[in-house]
C-alpha atoms as a PDB file:
ATOM      1  CA  MET A   1      64.494  48.491 155.028  1.00  0.00           C
ATOM      2  CA  ALA A   2      66.278  46.473 152.345  1.00  0.00           C
ATOM      3  CA  LYS A   3      64.987  46.296 148.650  1.00  0.00           C
ATOM      4  CA  ASP A   4      63.249  43.133 147.914  1.00  0.00           C
ATOM      5  CA  PRO A   5      65.532  41.215 145.536  1.00  0.00           C
ATOM      6  CA  VAL A   6      62.556  40.093 143.203  1.00  0.00           C
ATOM      7  CA  ASP A   7      61.188  43.652 142.971  1.00  0.00           C
ATOM      8  CA  PHE A   8      61.655  44.657 139.328  1.00  0.00           C
ATOM      9  CA  HIS A   9      59.221  47.709 139.528  1.00  0.00           C
ATOM     10  CA  THR A  10      61.709  49.974 141.383  1.00  0.00           C
ATOM     11  CA  MET A  11      65.258  51.366 140.470  1.00  0.00           C
ATOM     12  CA  ASP A  12      68.043  51.722 142.652  1.00  0.00           C
ATOM     13  CA  PHE A  13      69.862  55.087 142.628  1.00  0.00           C
ATOM     14  CA  LEU A  14      73.444  54.812 144.074  1.00  0.00           C
ATOM     15  CA  SER A  15      75.268  57.489 145.881  1.00  0.00           C
ATOM     16  CA  SER A  16      78.841  57.850 144.628  1.00  0.00           C
ATOM     17  CA  ALA A  17      81.550  60.472 145.036  1.00  0.00           C
ATOM     18  CA  THR A  18      83.115  59.528 141.707  1.00  0.00           C
ATOM     19  CA  VAL A  19      80.789  59.375 138.694  1.00  0.00           C
ATOM     20  CA  ASN A  20      82.064  58.501 135.271  1.00  0.00           C
ATOM     21  CA  VAL A  21      80.199  60.191 132.502  1.00  0.00           C
ATOM     22  CA  THR A  22      81.204  60.864 128.897  1.00  0.00           C
ATOM     23  CA  CYS A  23      80.210  63.386 126.521  1.00  0.00           C
ATOM     24  CA  GLY A  24      77.127  62.140 124.695  1.00  0.00           C
ATOM     25  CA  GLN A  25      76.177  59.542 127.265  1.00  0.00           C
ATOM     26  CA  VAL A  26      72.425  58.950 127.611  1.00  0.00           C
ATOM     27  CA  LEU A  27      71.048  59.313 131.219  1.00  0.00           C
ATOM     28  CA  MET A  28      67.580  58.760 132.669  1.00  0.00           C
ATOM     29  CA  ASP A  29      65.885  60.238 135.640  1.00  0.00           C
ATOM     30  CA  ARG A  30      63.372  58.477 138.083  1.00  0.00           C
ATOM     31  CA  GLN A  31      60.407  59.638 135.842  1.00  0.00           C
ATOM     32  CA  ARG A  32      62.051  58.004 132.863  1.00  0.00           C
ATOM     33  CA  HIS A  33      62.983  61.325 131.205  1.00  0.00           C
ATOM     34  CA  ILE A  34      66.081  61.285 129.093  1.00  0.00           C
ATOM     35  CA  ALA A  35      69.105  63.539 128.962  1.00  0.00           C
ATOM     36  CA  ILE A  36      72.298  63.737 127.137  1.00  0.00           C
ATOM     37  CA  VAL A  37      75.721  64.759 128.685  1.00  0.00           C
ATOM     38  CA  ALA A  38      76.478  67.657 126.366  1.00  0.00           C
ATOM     39  CA  LYS A  39      79.717  68.826 128.140  1.00  0.00           C
ATOM     40  CA  LYS A  40      81.864  67.174 131.007  1.00  0.00           C
ATOM     41  CA  GLY A  41      84.429  68.960 133.210  1.00  0.00           C
ATOM     42  CA  ARG A  42      86.314  67.737 136.175  1.00  0.00           C
ATOM     43  CA  THR A  43      83.712  68.634 138.852  1.00  0.00           C
ATOM     44  CA  CYS A  44      80.554  69.217 136.729  1.00  0.00           C
ATOM     45  CA  ALA A  45      78.579  67.905 133.708  1.00  0.00           C
ATOM     46  CA  TYR A  46      76.148  69.797 131.471  1.00  0.00           C
ATOM     47  CA  LEU A  47      72.962  67.816 130.553  1.00  0.00           C
ATOM     48  CA  VAL A  48      70.556  68.604 127.797  1.00  0.00           C
ATOM     49  CA  HIS A  49      66.968  67.674 129.071  1.00  0.00           C
ATOM     50  CA  VAL A  50      63.403  68.948 129.456  1.00  0.00           C
ATOM     51  CA  LYS A  51      63.227  71.318 132.487  1.00  0.00           C
ATOM     52  CA  SER A  52      60.140  73.436 133.116  1.00  0.00           C
ATOM     53  CA  GLY A  53      58.513  72.365 129.887  1.00  0.00           C
ATOM     54  CA  ILE A  54      61.384  73.456 127.663  1.00  0.00           C
ATOM     55  CA  LEU A  55      64.721  71.927 126.550  1.00  0.00           C
ATOM     56  CA  LYS A  56      67.499  73.359 128.492  1.00  0.00           C
ATOM     57  CA  LEU A  57      71.240  72.918 129.161  1.00  0.00           C
ATOM     58  CA  THR A  58      71.719  72.557 132.943  1.00  0.00           C
ATOM     59  CA  LYS A  59      74.880  72.258 135.062  1.00  0.00           C
ATOM     60  CA  HIS A  60      75.223  69.453 137.604  1.00  0.00           C
ATOM     61  CA  ALA A  61      78.060  68.539 140.066  1.00  0.00           C
ATOM     62  CA  THR A  62      79.349  65.244 139.147  1.00  0.00           C
ATOM     63  CA  LYS A  63      79.154  64.180 142.651  1.00  0.00           C
ATOM     64  CA  ASP A  64      75.346  64.794 142.586  1.00  0.00           C
ATOM     65  CA  LEU A  65      74.588  62.998 139.328  1.00  0.00           C
ATOM     66  CA  ALA A  66      74.314  59.633 140.867  1.00  0.00           C
ATOM     67  CA  ALA A  67      71.462  60.914 143.205  1.00  0.00           C
ATOM     68  CA  ASP A  68      69.267  61.996 140.277  1.00  0.00           C
ATOM     69  CA  TRP A  69      70.234  60.149 137.210  1.00  0.00           C
ATOM     70  CA  LEU A  70      71.223  56.621 136.084  1.00  0.00           C
ATOM     71  CA  GLU A  71      72.496  55.027 132.931  1.00  0.00           C
ATOM     72  CA  ALA A  72      69.873  54.600 130.353  1.00  0.00           C
ATOM     73  CA  ASP A  73      69.582  51.679 128.093  1.00  0.00           C
ATOM     74  CA  TYR A  74      68.738  53.946 125.201  1.00  0.00           C
ATOM     75  CA  GLN A  75      70.352  54.291 121.774  1.00  0.00           C
ATOM     76  CA  TYR A  76      72.431  57.447 121.478  1.00  0.00           C
ATOM     77  CA  GLU A  77      70.980  58.364 117.978  1.00  0.00           C
ATOM     78  CA  ARG A  78      67.398  57.692 119.039  1.00  0.00           C
ATOM     79  CA  ALA A  79      67.964  59.760 122.137  1.00  0.00           C
ATOM     80  CA  LEU A  80      69.471  62.644 120.110  1.00  0.00           C
ATOM     81  CA  ASP A  81      66.748  62.528 117.615  1.00  0.00           C
ATOM     82  CA  LYS A  82      64.015  62.476 120.443  1.00  0.00           C
ATOM     83  CA  LEU A  83      65.558  65.498 122.177  1.00  0.00           C
ATOM     84  CA  ILE A  84      65.843  67.492 118.937  1.00  0.00           C
ATOM     85  CA  GLU A  85      62.169  66.719 118.217  1.00  0.00           C
ATOM     86  CA  MET A  86      61.112  67.791 121.680  1.00  0.00           C
ATOM     87  CA  GLY A  87      63.052  70.981 121.151  1.00  0.00           C
ATOM     88  CA  ARG A  88      60.937  71.650 118.052  1.00  0.00           C
ATOM     89  CA  ARG A  89      57.690  70.965 119.758  1.00  0.00           C
ATOM     90  CA  LYS A  90      58.276  72.383 123.196  1.00  0.00           C
ATOM     91  CA  GLY A  91      60.869  74.890 122.696  1.00  0.00           C
ATOM     92  CA  ILE A  92      64.651  75.010 123.311  1.00  0.00           C
ATOM     93  CA  THR A  93      67.203  77.462 124.733  1.00  0.00           C
ATOM     94  CA  ASP A  94      70.087  78.716 122.588  1.00  0.00           C
ATOM     95  CA  SER A  95      72.667  76.848 124.806  1.00  0.00           C
ATOM     96  CA  ALA A  96      70.771  73.585 124.546  1.00  0.00           C
ATOM     97  CA  ARG A  97      70.379  74.023 120.664  1.00  0.00           C
ATOM     98  CA  THR A  98      74.135  74.652 120.361  1.00  0.00           C
ATOM     99  CA  ALA A  99      75.023  71.662 122.518  1.00  0.00           C
ATOM    100  CA  LEU A 100      72.678  69.244 120.477  1.00  0.00           C
ATOM    101  CA  GLU A 101      74.157  70.564 117.192  1.00  0.00           C
ATOM    102  CA  ARG A 102      77.630  69.931 118.444  1.00  0.00           C
ATOM    103  CA  LEU A 103      76.771  66.306 119.365  1.00  0.00           C
ATOM    104  CA  LEU A 104      74.849  65.901 116.085  1.00  0.00           C
ATOM    105  CA  LYS A 105      77.942  67.160 114.077  1.00  0.00           C
ATOM    106  CA  ASN A 106      80.270  64.683 115.971  1.00  0.00           C
ATOM    107  CA  GLY A 107      77.998  62.046 114.422  1.00  0.00           C
ATOM    108  CA  ARG A 108      79.161  59.044 116.377  1.00  0.00           C
ATOM    109  CA  GLU A 109      78.164  57.406 119.528  1.00  0.00           C
ATOM    110  CA  PRO A 110      80.480  57.838 122.560  1.00  0.00           C
ATOM    111  CA  SER A 111      82.051  55.016 124.353  1.00  0.00           C
ATOM    112  CA  GLN A 112      79.954  54.382 127.213  1.00  0.00           C
ATOM    113  CA  ARG A 113      81.469  54.298 130.750  1.00  0.00           C
ATOM    114  CA  MET A 114      79.964  52.730 133.792  1.00  0.00           C
ATOM    115  CA  LEU A 115      78.190  55.629 135.509  1.00  0.00           C
ATOM    116  CA  PHE A 116      78.680  54.160 139.004  1.00  0.00           C
ATOM    117  CA  GLY A 117      82.138  52.424 138.514  1.00  0.00           C
END
């Protein structure tokens, strides 16, 4: 069944074999939880996001990112501050803390790429 073209309440998640992400890019899942790309390799990306009630650094195959994440219309600095605050309130793993500190140290917004381009 095709999506109704005037339905603005649902989001389309595209499947793509090639996903362009950049370090520091802000993503969002279906439940509107944000994540930041902390590291990117050729075949995987590491995201900092809340998982199991705590802020964690998790590894995702780049080919699978499109199934679970989409580009967020969310300011980089705001997302970074929000995740740091969540880490203080909910807890944070050492790897996630190190990744956020590295992003904070860089102090600039990354150039955003089209996630599904």
